[in-house]
């Protein structure tokens, strides 16, 4: 019974860690979007997220998909002679996965809100209905490689430093904030 309890606790802690990974990636994605708007394109500040808070959930979803699809592959031992191919394969895979997620998210957001935030993709030479474009897909492939090789170990270190109690309460508080934000978004943005 004790081993079952600890196994259940480990599963709960894994979910809590993955939720915090999702949130950290969503915040980093929001910062990336704002950086592009303010510094690169000089359009001025605009909340690039669908929600009120400083996070873009689609980046969290993408990160979880990268972890699910390529997490084990990124860490598995390989012969030195073909090890160079792994980051290239991860780059291509993450770019493809992110493109599919972004395409699905654009349809979902259009159905819910009537539009999607990245309609500026029409400005890119290679795009599909301004929903996905080659340039962002390449950047998402690069982002996937950076996540799996740099951010994932950092996220693991951050969550690994937390005691089970701190991990639990941090997850609960963050989930509560996200839930309130979702409710406020529905009430104030979607019904307005």
N, C-alpha and C. Protein backbone atom coordinates (compact mmCIF):
# COMPACT_ATOMS: atom_id res chain seq x y z
N UNK A 1 0.83 -1.21 0.00
CA UNK A 1 0.00 0.00 0.00
C UNK A 1 0.86 1.26 0.00
N UNK A 2 1.99 1.20 0.73
CA UNK A 2 2.88 2.35 0.81
C UNK A 2 3.51 2.65 -0.55
N UNK A 3 3.90 1.58 -1.29
CA UNK A 3 4.51 1.79 -2.61
C UNK A 3 3.47 2.32 -3.60
N UNK A 4 2.20 1.88 -3.47
CA UNK A 4 1.14 2.41 -4.32
C UNK A 4 0.92 3.90 -4.05
N UNK A 5 0.96 4.26 -2.79
CA UNK A 5 0.77 5.65 -2.41
C UNK A 5 1.89 6.50 -2.98
N UNK A 6 3.14 6.02 -2.85
CA UNK A 6 4.26 6.80 -3.37
C UNK A 6 4.21 6.85 -4.90
N UNK A 7 3.76 5.78 -5.54
CA UNK A 7 3.62 5.79 -7.01
C UNK A 7 2.56 6.80 -7.43
N UNK A 8 1.46 6.85 -6.69
CA UNK A 8 0.41 7.83 -6.98
C UNK A 8 0.93 9.25 -6.74
N UNK A 9 1.68 9.44 -5.66
CA UNK A 9 2.25 10.75 -5.37
C UNK A 9 3.23 11.18 -6.47
N UNK A 10 4.01 10.24 -6.97
CA UNK A 10 4.94 10.54 -8.06
C UNK A 10 4.20 10.97 -9.33
N UNK A 11 3.10 10.29 -9.63
CA UNK A 11 2.29 10.69 -10.81
C UNK A 11 1.72 12.08 -10.62
N UNK A 12 1.22 12.38 -9.42
CA UNK A 12 0.67 13.71 -9.14
C UNK A 12 1.77 14.76 -9.26
N UNK A 13 2.95 14.47 -8.72
CA UNK A 13 4.06 15.41 -8.82
C UNK A 13 4.50 15.61 -10.27
N UNK A 14 4.45 14.56 -11.07
CA UNK A 14 4.78 14.68 -12.49
C UNK A 14 3.79 15.61 -13.19
N UNK A 15 2.51 15.46 -12.88
CA UNK A 15 1.50 16.34 -13.47
C UNK A 15 1.72 17.78 -13.02
N UNK A 16 2.02 17.96 -11.73
CA UNK A 16 2.28 19.31 -11.21
C UNK A 16 3.48 19.94 -11.92
N UNK A 17 4.54 19.16 -12.10
CA UNK A 17 5.73 19.67 -12.79
C UNK A 17 5.41 20.01 -14.24
N UNK A 18 4.68 19.15 -14.91
CA UNK A 18 4.33 19.41 -16.31
C UNK A 18 3.45 20.65 -16.44
N UNK A 19 2.57 20.85 -15.47
CA UNK A 19 1.74 22.06 -15.48
C UNK A 19 2.62 23.30 -15.33
N UNK A 20 3.60 23.24 -14.43
CA UNK A 20 4.50 24.38 -14.26
C UNK A 20 5.39 24.57 -15.49
N UNK A 21 5.80 23.47 -16.13
CA UNK A 21 6.54 23.57 -17.40
C UNK A 21 5.66 24.31 -18.42
N UNK A 22 4.39 23.89 -18.51
CA UNK A 22 3.44 24.52 -19.43
C UNK A 22 3.37 26.03 -19.18
N UNK A 23 3.24 26.40 -17.92
CA UNK A 23 3.11 27.81 -17.56
C UNK A 23 4.39 28.59 -17.85
N UNK A 24 5.54 28.00 -17.52
CA UNK A 24 6.81 28.68 -17.79
C UNK A 24 6.99 28.89 -19.30
N UNK A 25 6.67 27.88 -20.09
CA UNK A 25 6.78 28.02 -21.55
C UNK A 25 5.79 29.05 -22.08
N UNK A 26 4.59 29.10 -21.50
CA UNK A 26 3.58 30.08 -21.92
C UNK A 26 4.04 31.50 -21.62
N UNK A 27 4.69 31.69 -20.48
CA UNK A 27 5.22 33.03 -20.13
C UNK A 27 6.38 33.40 -21.05
N UNK A 28 7.29 32.45 -21.29
CA UNK A 28 8.41 32.71 -22.19
C UNK A 28 7.89 33.01 -23.60
N UNK A 29 6.86 32.29 -24.03
CA UNK A 29 6.26 32.55 -25.34
C UNK A 29 5.66 33.94 -25.42
N UNK A 30 5.01 34.37 -24.35
CA UNK A 30 4.44 35.72 -24.32
C UNK A 30 5.56 36.76 -24.41
N UNK A 31 6.64 36.55 -23.66
CA UNK A 31 7.78 37.48 -23.70
C UNK A 31 8.38 37.52 -25.10
N UNK A 32 8.49 36.39 -25.74
CA UNK A 32 9.00 36.32 -27.10
C UNK A 32 8.11 37.11 -28.06
N UNK A 33 6.80 36.94 -27.94
CA UNK A 33 5.86 37.66 -28.80
C UNK A 33 5.95 39.17 -28.58
N UNK A 34 6.01 39.58 -27.33
CA UNK A 34 6.11 41.01 -27.02
C UNK A 34 7.44 41.57 -27.53
N UNK A 35 8.52 40.81 -27.36
CA UNK A 35 9.82 41.22 -27.88
C UNK A 35 9.75 41.45 -29.39
N UNK A 36 9.13 40.52 -30.10
CA UNK A 36 8.99 40.69 -31.56
C UNK A 36 8.23 41.96 -31.89
N UNK A 37 7.12 42.19 -31.18
CA UNK A 37 6.28 43.37 -31.46
C UNK A 37 6.99 44.68 -31.14
N UNK A 38 7.63 44.74 -29.99
CA UNK A 38 8.19 46.00 -29.53
C UNK A 38 9.57 46.27 -30.14
N UNK A 39 10.45 45.26 -30.12
CA UNK A 39 11.83 45.48 -30.53
C UNK A 39 12.06 45.21 -32.01
N UNK A 40 11.59 44.08 -32.50
CA UNK A 40 11.89 43.69 -33.88
C UNK A 40 11.03 44.46 -34.88
N UNK A 41 9.70 44.39 -34.71
CA UNK A 41 8.81 45.02 -35.68
C UNK A 41 8.46 46.47 -35.33
N UNK A 42 8.72 46.84 -34.08
CA UNK A 42 8.47 48.21 -33.59
C UNK A 42 7.01 48.66 -33.80
N UNK A 43 6.11 47.73 -33.57
CA UNK A 43 4.68 48.05 -33.67
C UNK A 43 4.16 48.68 -32.39
N UNK A 44 4.89 48.56 -31.31
CA UNK A 44 4.42 49.03 -30.01
C UNK A 44 3.87 47.87 -29.22
N UNK A 45 3.69 48.10 -27.93
CA UNK A 45 3.24 47.02 -27.04
C UNK A 45 1.77 46.69 -27.27
N UNK A 46 1.50 45.41 -27.32
CA UNK A 46 0.14 44.88 -27.37
C UNK A 46 0.19 43.54 -26.66
N UNK A 47 -0.80 43.27 -25.82
CA UNK A 47 -0.83 41.97 -25.14
C UNK A 47 -1.06 40.91 -26.20
N UNK A 48 -0.03 40.13 -26.50
CA UNK A 48 -0.11 39.13 -27.55
C UNK A 48 -0.87 37.88 -27.13
N UNK A 49 -1.18 37.76 -25.88
CA UNK A 49 -1.91 36.59 -25.44
C UNK A 49 -3.41 36.75 -25.63
N UNK A 50 -4.08 35.64 -25.69
CA UNK A 50 -5.54 35.63 -25.78
C UNK A 50 -6.14 35.97 -24.43
N UNK A 51 -5.44 35.58 -23.36
CA UNK A 51 -5.90 35.83 -22.00
C UNK A 51 -5.36 37.18 -21.52
N UNK A 52 -5.78 37.60 -20.34
CA UNK A 52 -5.31 38.87 -19.78
C UNK A 52 -3.87 38.80 -19.28
N UNK A 53 -3.48 37.68 -18.72
CA UNK A 53 -2.17 37.55 -18.10
C UNK A 53 -1.03 37.48 -19.11
N UNK A 54 0.21 37.56 -18.60
CA UNK A 54 1.38 37.53 -19.47
C UNK A 54 1.78 36.11 -19.86
N UNK A 55 0.94 35.44 -20.61
CA UNK A 55 1.24 34.10 -21.07
C UNK A 55 0.44 33.80 -22.34
N UNK A 56 1.05 33.00 -23.19
CA UNK A 56 0.42 32.51 -24.43
C UNK A 56 0.31 30.99 -24.29
N UNK A 57 -0.86 30.47 -23.95
CA UNK A 57 -1.00 29.04 -23.73
C UNK A 57 -0.56 28.16 -24.90
N UNK A 58 -0.65 28.67 -26.12
CA UNK A 58 -0.26 27.85 -27.27
C UNK A 58 1.22 27.46 -27.18
N UNK A 59 2.06 28.31 -26.57
CA UNK A 59 3.46 27.96 -26.39
C UNK A 59 3.60 26.83 -25.36
N UNK A 60 2.79 26.86 -24.32
CA UNK A 60 2.81 25.79 -23.34
C UNK A 60 2.37 24.46 -23.94
N UNK A 61 1.34 24.53 -24.78
CA UNK A 61 0.86 23.32 -25.46
C UNK A 61 1.96 22.79 -26.39
N UNK A 62 2.59 23.70 -27.13
CA UNK A 62 3.67 23.29 -28.03
C UNK A 62 4.82 22.64 -27.28
N UNK A 63 5.20 23.24 -26.15
CA UNK A 63 6.29 22.69 -25.36
C UNK A 63 5.95 21.29 -24.84
N UNK A 64 4.72 21.11 -24.38
CA UNK A 64 4.31 19.78 -23.92
C UNK A 64 4.32 18.77 -25.07
N UNK A 65 3.90 19.23 -26.25
CA UNK A 65 3.93 18.35 -27.42
C UNK A 65 5.37 17.99 -27.79
N UNK A 66 6.29 18.97 -27.73
CA UNK A 66 7.70 18.69 -28.01
C UNK A 66 8.23 17.66 -27.03
N UNK A 67 7.89 17.84 -25.77
CA UNK A 67 8.35 16.93 -24.72
C UNK A 67 7.80 15.53 -24.96
N UNK A 68 6.52 15.43 -25.28
CA UNK A 68 5.89 14.14 -25.53
C UNK A 68 6.46 13.47 -26.77
N UNK A 69 6.62 14.23 -27.84
CA UNK A 69 7.07 13.66 -29.12
C UNK A 69 8.57 13.39 -29.17
N UNK A 70 9.37 14.27 -28.58
CA UNK A 70 10.82 14.19 -28.78
C UNK A 70 11.65 14.17 -27.51
N UNK A 71 11.01 14.21 -26.34
CA UNK A 71 11.74 14.26 -25.08
C UNK A 71 12.67 13.09 -24.88
N UNK A 72 12.21 11.88 -25.09
CA UNK A 72 13.05 10.70 -24.90
C UNK A 72 14.11 10.62 -26.00
N UNK A 73 13.70 10.97 -27.22
CA UNK A 73 14.64 10.93 -28.35
C UNK A 73 15.82 11.88 -28.12
N UNK A 74 15.54 13.04 -27.53
CA UNK A 74 16.60 14.04 -27.29
C UNK A 74 17.62 13.54 -26.28
N UNK A 75 17.25 12.60 -25.42
CA UNK A 75 18.15 12.14 -24.37
C UNK A 75 18.72 10.74 -24.60
N UNK A 76 18.21 10.02 -25.59
CA UNK A 76 18.67 8.65 -25.77
C UNK A 76 20.12 8.61 -26.28
N UNK A 77 20.87 7.63 -25.83
CA UNK A 77 22.26 7.53 -26.29
C UNK A 77 22.30 7.19 -27.78
N UNK A 78 23.26 7.79 -28.46
CA UNK A 78 23.44 7.52 -29.90
C UNK A 78 24.93 7.37 -30.18
N UNK A 79 25.21 6.71 -31.29
CA UNK A 79 26.60 6.61 -31.73
C UNK A 79 27.10 7.99 -32.10
N UNK A 80 28.35 8.25 -31.79
CA UNK A 80 28.95 9.57 -32.05
C UNK A 80 28.82 9.93 -33.53
N UNK A 81 28.92 8.98 -34.42
CA UNK A 81 28.93 9.26 -35.85
C UNK A 81 27.60 9.81 -36.37
N UNK A 82 26.49 9.51 -35.69
CA UNK A 82 25.18 10.02 -36.15
C UNK A 82 24.54 10.98 -35.15
N UNK A 83 25.23 11.30 -34.06
CA UNK A 83 24.69 12.18 -33.04
C UNK A 83 24.35 13.57 -33.60
N UNK A 84 25.09 14.04 -34.59
CA UNK A 84 24.87 15.35 -35.20
C UNK A 84 23.49 15.45 -35.84
N UNK A 85 22.92 14.32 -36.25
CA UNK A 85 21.62 14.33 -36.95
C UNK A 85 20.46 14.57 -35.99
N UNK A 86 20.62 14.24 -34.74
CA UNK A 86 19.51 14.35 -33.78
C UNK A 86 18.96 15.77 -33.67
N UNK A 87 19.78 16.82 -33.46
CA UNK A 87 19.19 18.16 -33.39
C UNK A 87 18.48 18.58 -34.68
N UNK A 88 18.97 18.12 -35.80
CA UNK A 88 18.32 18.44 -37.08
C UNK A 88 16.95 17.78 -37.15
N UNK A 89 16.89 16.51 -36.76
CA UNK A 89 15.60 15.80 -36.76
C UNK A 89 14.63 16.42 -35.75
N UNK A 90 15.14 16.81 -34.59
CA UNK A 90 14.29 17.46 -33.59
C UNK A 90 13.80 18.80 -34.11
N UNK A 91 14.68 19.56 -34.75
CA UNK A 91 14.30 20.84 -35.36
C UNK A 91 13.16 20.64 -36.36
N UNK A 92 13.31 19.70 -37.27
CA UNK A 92 12.27 19.44 -38.28
C UNK A 92 10.98 18.97 -37.63
N UNK A 93 11.10 18.06 -36.67
CA UNK A 93 9.91 17.53 -35.99
C UNK A 93 9.18 18.60 -35.20
N UNK A 94 9.92 19.40 -34.44
CA UNK A 94 9.30 20.46 -33.64
C UNK A 94 8.64 21.50 -34.55
N UNK A 95 9.31 21.83 -35.66
CA UNK A 95 8.70 22.78 -36.59
C UNK A 95 7.39 22.25 -37.14
N UNK A 96 7.35 20.97 -37.48
CA UNK A 96 6.12 20.37 -38.01
C UNK A 96 5.03 20.30 -36.94
N UNK A 97 5.39 19.85 -35.74
CA UNK A 97 4.41 19.75 -34.65
C UNK A 97 3.84 21.12 -34.31
N UNK A 98 4.71 22.13 -34.20
CA UNK A 98 4.26 23.48 -33.87
C UNK A 98 3.35 24.04 -34.95
N UNK A 99 3.65 23.75 -36.20
CA UNK A 99 2.82 24.23 -37.31
C UNK A 99 1.42 23.63 -37.22
N UNK A 100 1.33 22.35 -36.93
CA UNK A 100 0.02 21.70 -36.80
C UNK A 100 -0.74 22.29 -35.61
N UNK A 101 -0.06 22.49 -34.49
CA UNK A 101 -0.70 23.08 -33.30
C UNK A 101 -1.20 24.48 -33.62
N UNK A 102 -0.35 25.28 -34.27
CA UNK A 102 -0.73 26.65 -34.60
C UNK A 102 -1.91 26.69 -35.56
N UNK A 103 -1.93 25.79 -36.52
CA UNK A 103 -3.05 25.72 -37.46
C UNK A 103 -4.34 25.36 -36.72
N UNK A 104 -4.29 24.34 -35.88
CA UNK A 104 -5.47 23.94 -35.10
C UNK A 104 -5.91 25.07 -34.17
N UNK A 105 -4.95 25.73 -33.52
CA UNK A 105 -5.29 26.84 -32.61
C UNK A 105 -5.95 27.99 -33.36
N UNK A 106 -5.51 28.26 -34.59
CA UNK A 106 -6.12 29.35 -35.35
C UNK A 106 -7.58 29.04 -35.66
N UNK A 107 -7.87 27.79 -36.02
CA UNK A 107 -9.27 27.41 -36.28
C UNK A 107 -10.10 27.47 -35.00
N UNK A 108 -9.53 27.00 -33.89
CA UNK A 108 -10.24 27.03 -32.61
C UNK A 108 -10.52 28.46 -32.18
N UNK A 109 -9.51 29.33 -32.25
CA UNK A 109 -9.71 30.73 -31.85
C UNK A 109 -10.69 31.45 -32.78
N UNK A 110 -10.62 31.13 -34.06
CA UNK A 110 -11.58 31.75 -34.99
C UNK A 110 -13.01 31.32 -34.66
N UNK A 111 -13.16 30.06 -34.30
CA UNK A 111 -14.49 29.56 -33.95
C UNK A 111 -14.99 30.20 -32.65
N UNK A 112 -14.09 30.39 -31.67
CA UNK A 112 -14.49 30.94 -30.38
C UNK A 112 -14.61 32.46 -30.41
N UNK A 113 -13.60 33.13 -31.00
CA UNK A 113 -13.55 34.59 -30.91
C UNK A 113 -13.78 35.33 -32.22
N UNK A 114 -13.74 34.61 -33.32
CA UNK A 114 -13.93 35.25 -34.62
C UNK A 114 -12.63 35.61 -35.31
N UNK A 115 -11.48 35.46 -34.62
CA UNK A 115 -10.18 35.75 -35.24
C UNK A 115 -9.09 35.03 -34.47
N UNK A 116 -7.85 35.25 -34.89
CA UNK A 116 -6.70 34.72 -34.17
C UNK A 116 -5.61 35.78 -34.19
N UNK A 117 -4.77 35.84 -33.14
CA UNK A 117 -3.82 36.95 -32.98
C UNK A 117 -2.74 37.05 -34.06
N UNK A 118 -2.42 35.97 -34.75
CA UNK A 118 -1.28 36.01 -35.68
C UNK A 118 -1.74 36.12 -37.14
N UNK A 119 -2.78 36.86 -37.40
CA UNK A 119 -3.22 37.05 -38.78
C UNK A 119 -2.22 37.83 -39.63
N UNK A 120 -1.22 38.38 -38.98
CA UNK A 120 -0.16 39.09 -39.70
C UNK A 120 0.67 38.14 -40.57
N UNK A 121 0.46 36.84 -40.43
CA UNK A 121 1.18 35.87 -41.25
C UNK A 121 0.89 36.07 -42.74
N UNK A 122 -0.15 36.79 -43.06
CA UNK A 122 -0.45 37.10 -44.46
C UNK A 122 0.69 37.91 -45.08
N UNK A 123 1.48 38.59 -44.25
CA UNK A 123 2.61 39.38 -44.73
C UNK A 123 3.79 38.52 -45.18
N UNK A 124 3.83 37.26 -44.76
CA UNK A 124 4.92 36.36 -45.15
C UNK A 124 4.67 35.82 -46.55
N UNK A 125 5.75 35.65 -47.31
CA UNK A 125 5.63 35.13 -48.68
C UNK A 125 5.04 33.72 -48.70
N UNK A 126 5.49 32.88 -47.79
CA UNK A 126 5.02 31.50 -47.76
C UNK A 126 4.15 31.32 -46.53
N UNK A 127 2.82 31.31 -46.77
CA UNK A 127 1.88 31.13 -45.66
C UNK A 127 0.65 30.38 -46.17
N UNK A 128 -0.13 29.86 -45.24
CA UNK A 128 -1.39 29.21 -45.57
C UNK A 128 -2.51 29.95 -44.85
N UNK A 129 -3.32 30.66 -45.60
CA UNK A 129 -4.49 31.40 -45.09
C UNK A 129 -4.14 32.31 -43.91
N UNK A 130 -2.92 32.78 -43.83
CA UNK A 130 -2.43 33.61 -42.72
C UNK A 130 -2.55 32.89 -41.38
N UNK A 131 -2.68 31.58 -41.41
CA UNK A 131 -2.79 30.76 -40.19
C UNK A 131 -1.43 30.20 -39.78
N UNK A 132 -0.66 29.76 -40.75
CA UNK A 132 0.69 29.26 -40.52
C UNK A 132 1.58 29.81 -41.63
N UNK A 133 2.87 29.92 -41.32
CA UNK A 133 3.82 30.42 -42.31
C UNK A 133 5.17 29.75 -42.09
N UNK A 134 5.97 29.72 -43.14
CA UNK A 134 7.26 29.04 -43.07
C UNK A 134 8.19 29.69 -42.05
N UNK A 135 8.31 31.00 -42.05
CA UNK A 135 9.23 31.69 -41.16
C UNK A 135 8.96 31.37 -39.68
N UNK A 136 7.72 31.50 -39.19
CA UNK A 136 7.47 31.13 -37.79
C UNK A 136 7.70 29.63 -37.53
N UNK A 137 7.39 28.79 -38.51
CA UNK A 137 7.60 27.35 -38.32
C UNK A 137 9.08 27.04 -38.12
N UNK A 138 9.94 27.74 -38.87
CA UNK A 138 11.39 27.57 -38.69
C UNK A 138 11.79 28.04 -37.29
N UNK A 139 11.25 29.18 -36.85
CA UNK A 139 11.58 29.68 -35.51
C UNK A 139 11.08 28.73 -34.43
N UNK A 140 9.91 28.11 -34.64
CA UNK A 140 9.40 27.16 -33.66
C UNK A 140 10.26 25.90 -33.63
N UNK A 141 10.79 25.49 -34.78
CA UNK A 141 11.73 24.36 -34.79
C UNK A 141 12.97 24.67 -33.98
N UNK A 142 13.50 25.88 -34.17
CA UNK A 142 14.65 26.32 -33.38
C UNK A 142 14.27 26.38 -31.90
N UNK A 143 13.09 26.92 -31.62
CA UNK A 143 12.61 26.99 -30.23
C UNK A 143 12.48 25.62 -29.59
N UNK A 144 12.04 24.63 -30.37
CA UNK A 144 11.93 23.28 -29.84
C UNK A 144 13.27 22.70 -29.45
N UNK A 145 14.27 22.93 -30.30
CA UNK A 145 15.63 22.47 -29.99
C UNK A 145 16.14 23.18 -28.73
N UNK A 146 15.95 24.51 -28.67
CA UNK A 146 16.38 25.27 -27.49
C UNK A 146 15.66 24.79 -26.23
N UNK A 147 14.36 24.51 -26.36
CA UNK A 147 13.62 24.02 -25.19
C UNK A 147 14.18 22.69 -24.71
N UNK A 148 14.29 21.73 -25.63
CA UNK A 148 14.68 20.38 -25.22
C UNK A 148 16.11 20.31 -24.68
N UNK A 149 16.99 21.17 -25.20
CA UNK A 149 18.39 21.10 -24.78
C UNK A 149 18.78 22.13 -23.71
N UNK A 150 18.07 23.26 -23.63
CA UNK A 150 18.44 24.29 -22.66
C UNK A 150 17.38 24.54 -21.60
N UNK A 151 16.14 24.80 -22.03
CA UNK A 151 15.09 25.16 -21.07
C UNK A 151 14.58 23.97 -20.27
N UNK A 152 14.45 22.83 -20.90
CA UNK A 152 13.96 21.66 -20.17
C UNK A 152 14.83 21.35 -18.95
N UNK A 153 16.17 21.31 -19.10
CA UNK A 153 16.99 21.08 -17.89
C UNK A 153 16.81 22.19 -16.85
N UNK A 154 16.64 23.44 -17.30
CA UNK A 154 16.41 24.55 -16.37
C UNK A 154 15.08 24.38 -15.65
N UNK A 155 14.02 24.04 -16.40
CA UNK A 155 12.70 23.81 -15.79
C UNK A 155 12.79 22.66 -14.79
N UNK A 156 13.51 21.60 -15.17
CA UNK A 156 13.65 20.44 -14.27
C UNK A 156 14.39 20.84 -12.99
N UNK A 157 15.39 21.71 -13.13
CA UNK A 157 16.15 22.18 -11.96
C UNK A 157 15.25 23.02 -11.06
N UNK A 158 14.45 23.91 -11.66
CA UNK A 158 13.55 24.77 -10.88
C UNK A 158 12.53 23.94 -10.12
N UNK A 159 11.86 23.02 -10.82
CA UNK A 159 10.84 22.21 -10.16
C UNK A 159 11.47 21.17 -9.24
N UNK A 160 12.68 20.72 -9.56
CA UNK A 160 13.37 19.74 -8.72
C UNK A 160 13.82 20.31 -7.38
N UNK A 161 14.01 21.63 -7.34
CA UNK A 161 14.40 22.29 -6.08
C UNK A 161 13.23 22.45 -5.12
N UNK A 162 12.02 22.27 -5.63
CA UNK A 162 10.83 22.47 -4.80
C UNK A 162 10.52 21.22 -3.99
N UNK A 163 10.17 21.42 -2.75
CA UNK A 163 9.70 20.29 -1.95
C UNK A 163 8.33 19.88 -2.50
N UNK A 164 7.89 18.66 -2.20
CA UNK A 164 6.57 18.25 -2.69
C UNK A 164 5.45 19.22 -2.27
N UNK A 165 5.55 19.77 -1.08
CA UNK A 165 4.53 20.70 -0.59
C UNK A 165 4.56 22.01 -1.39
N UNK A 166 5.76 22.56 -1.61
CA UNK A 166 5.90 23.80 -2.39
C UNK A 166 5.43 23.58 -3.81
N UNK A 167 5.80 22.44 -4.40
CA UNK A 167 5.37 22.10 -5.75
C UNK A 167 3.85 22.05 -5.84
N UNK A 168 3.23 21.41 -4.85
CA UNK A 168 1.77 21.28 -4.83
C UNK A 168 1.11 22.64 -4.73
N UNK A 169 1.53 23.45 -3.76
CA UNK A 169 0.87 24.74 -3.56
C UNK A 169 1.16 25.73 -4.69
N UNK A 170 2.36 25.68 -5.24
CA UNK A 170 2.68 26.53 -6.39
C UNK A 170 1.79 26.17 -7.57
N UNK A 171 1.61 24.89 -7.81
CA UNK A 171 0.74 24.43 -8.90
C UNK A 171 -0.70 24.85 -8.67
N UNK A 172 -1.17 24.70 -7.44
CA UNK A 172 -2.56 25.06 -7.13
C UNK A 172 -2.78 26.56 -7.30
N UNK A 173 -1.85 27.37 -6.80
CA UNK A 173 -1.98 28.82 -6.92
C UNK A 173 -1.95 29.24 -8.39
N UNK A 174 -1.01 28.70 -9.14
CA UNK A 174 -0.91 29.04 -10.57
C UNK A 174 -2.15 28.58 -11.34
N UNK A 175 -2.65 27.40 -11.02
CA UNK A 175 -3.87 26.91 -11.67
C UNK A 175 -5.06 27.81 -11.33
N UNK A 176 -5.12 28.27 -10.08
CA UNK A 176 -6.19 29.19 -9.68
C UNK A 176 -6.12 30.50 -10.44
N UNK A 177 -4.92 31.06 -10.57
CA UNK A 177 -4.74 32.31 -11.32
C UNK A 177 -5.15 32.11 -12.77
N UNK A 178 -4.73 31.00 -13.36
CA UNK A 178 -5.08 30.72 -14.76
C UNK A 178 -6.59 30.53 -14.91
N UNK A 179 -7.22 29.86 -13.96
CA UNK A 179 -8.68 29.65 -14.02
C UNK A 179 -9.43 30.98 -13.92
N UNK A 180 -9.00 31.85 -13.01
CA UNK A 180 -9.63 33.17 -12.88
C UNK A 180 -9.45 33.96 -14.18
N UNK A 181 -8.25 33.88 -14.76
CA UNK A 181 -7.99 34.57 -16.02
C UNK A 181 -8.89 34.03 -17.13
N UNK A 182 -9.05 32.73 -17.20
CA UNK A 182 -9.95 32.14 -18.21
C UNK A 182 -11.38 32.65 -18.04
N UNK A 183 -11.85 32.66 -16.80
CA UNK A 183 -13.21 33.14 -16.52
C UNK A 183 -13.34 34.61 -16.90
N UNK A 184 -12.36 35.43 -16.50
CA UNK A 184 -12.40 36.86 -16.84
C UNK A 184 -12.35 37.07 -18.35
N UNK A 185 -11.56 36.26 -19.04
CA UNK A 185 -11.48 36.37 -20.50
C UNK A 185 -12.83 36.06 -21.13
N UNK A 186 -13.49 35.02 -20.65
CA UNK A 186 -14.81 34.67 -21.19
C UNK A 186 -15.81 35.77 -20.89
N UNK A 187 -15.81 36.27 -19.67
CA UNK A 187 -16.78 37.28 -19.25
C UNK A 187 -16.54 38.62 -19.91
N UNK A 188 -15.28 39.07 -19.93
CA UNK A 188 -15.00 40.44 -20.38
C UNK A 188 -14.58 40.57 -21.83
N UNK A 189 -13.95 39.54 -22.40
CA UNK A 189 -13.51 39.64 -23.78
C UNK A 189 -14.47 39.00 -24.76
N UNK A 190 -14.95 37.81 -24.42
CA UNK A 190 -15.74 37.07 -25.38
C UNK A 190 -17.22 37.46 -25.37
N UNK A 191 -17.71 37.97 -24.26
CA UNK A 191 -19.13 38.35 -24.22
C UNK A 191 -19.32 39.84 -24.46
N UNK A 192 -18.22 40.57 -24.59
CA UNK A 192 -18.32 42.03 -24.80
C UNK A 192 -18.74 42.38 -26.22
